[in-house]
């Protein structure tokens, strides 16, 4: 807890951002963290009871998504999440029930059963691309349109510590840097790419000098500290709106599980148990909850928020399960598909 608070106070600019946050915004961040965790817990229950075969979770990494999303302007800015950033959809207005329906593949899911990569363009959430790293050039392109139209808007995406090695991620970052577009790229360093540890695929083992190679500003934040994530993103977004080009943020966090629910044992074998214990003590929800208590928020108010979010997710699960028999008709596979007519 001492480290959590010191992280916020260490940078005067970030500390000033946090100091200006009203209580309702702070509680909104808390609700967002809870919603993200309970969304994952519900999916895990479904896996264990045979409702679905597996799920891709962001357990332990919630602050890396929730903080930055809340720092942007809802209804104006655009985010492009990876599948592990599913909380971005919920925080920008997509019902949790729709998120769960995507896993069921029902006809009333956001993608009508086509894909569990969920987005909502009307809400400012671009549907993820399965190929990791490819959202970087797409985000750069969106930001370029904002620049051309002289709109004070920002486009943000996350890229994993493994997918930064892809050609698409490099080309997209370089293009954004050269064109000075209003984009924010968050390297979500959760220490492992699928089952490959960071030290096995990346030298020197961190991203401290990564942004310098593109000539753009760099800032690191504690990916388990939602206030640090919020403040770092808020400052980067303000810089983008001033026309000063893109920013690259590095979130240091840890994936508390496997690539998906099917390989959790393999994930436990990838790292020593002490590392899971270390990051488990830095759980983003528990840490933030204790911070709020010390900051004067009553236990009763926190319990009220928890009860509200818990009820929301439970209702969403019930609503989603009612859609299990509403599978898309076969002919719908031909709708919304574009192809060049053969000669």
Foldseek 3Di string as FASTA:
>chain_A
DVVLVCQQVVDVLLVVVLVPDDPVLLLLLLLLLLLLVVLVVVQVVCCVVVLAVWAFELFFQSLLQSQLLSLFDWQFAAEEEDRHNVSSQVSLPDASLLLVLLRLLFCPRQVRNPHSQDADVSGRYDRYDNQALQVLLVQLVVQVVCVVVVHLYEYEYEGELVSCPDPNNVVSLLVQLVVQGRYEYEHEYQQADQLHGQVRPDPPSDCPCVVVVSPAAEEEFASLRNSRSNSVSNVQSVCNSVSRTYYYYYYYIHRCAGSMPVCRVSNPVSDDPVVSVVSVVSRSNVVSVVVVVVVPDDPVVSVVSSVVSVVSNVVSVVVSVVRSVRHDDPVCVPPPDDDDDDD
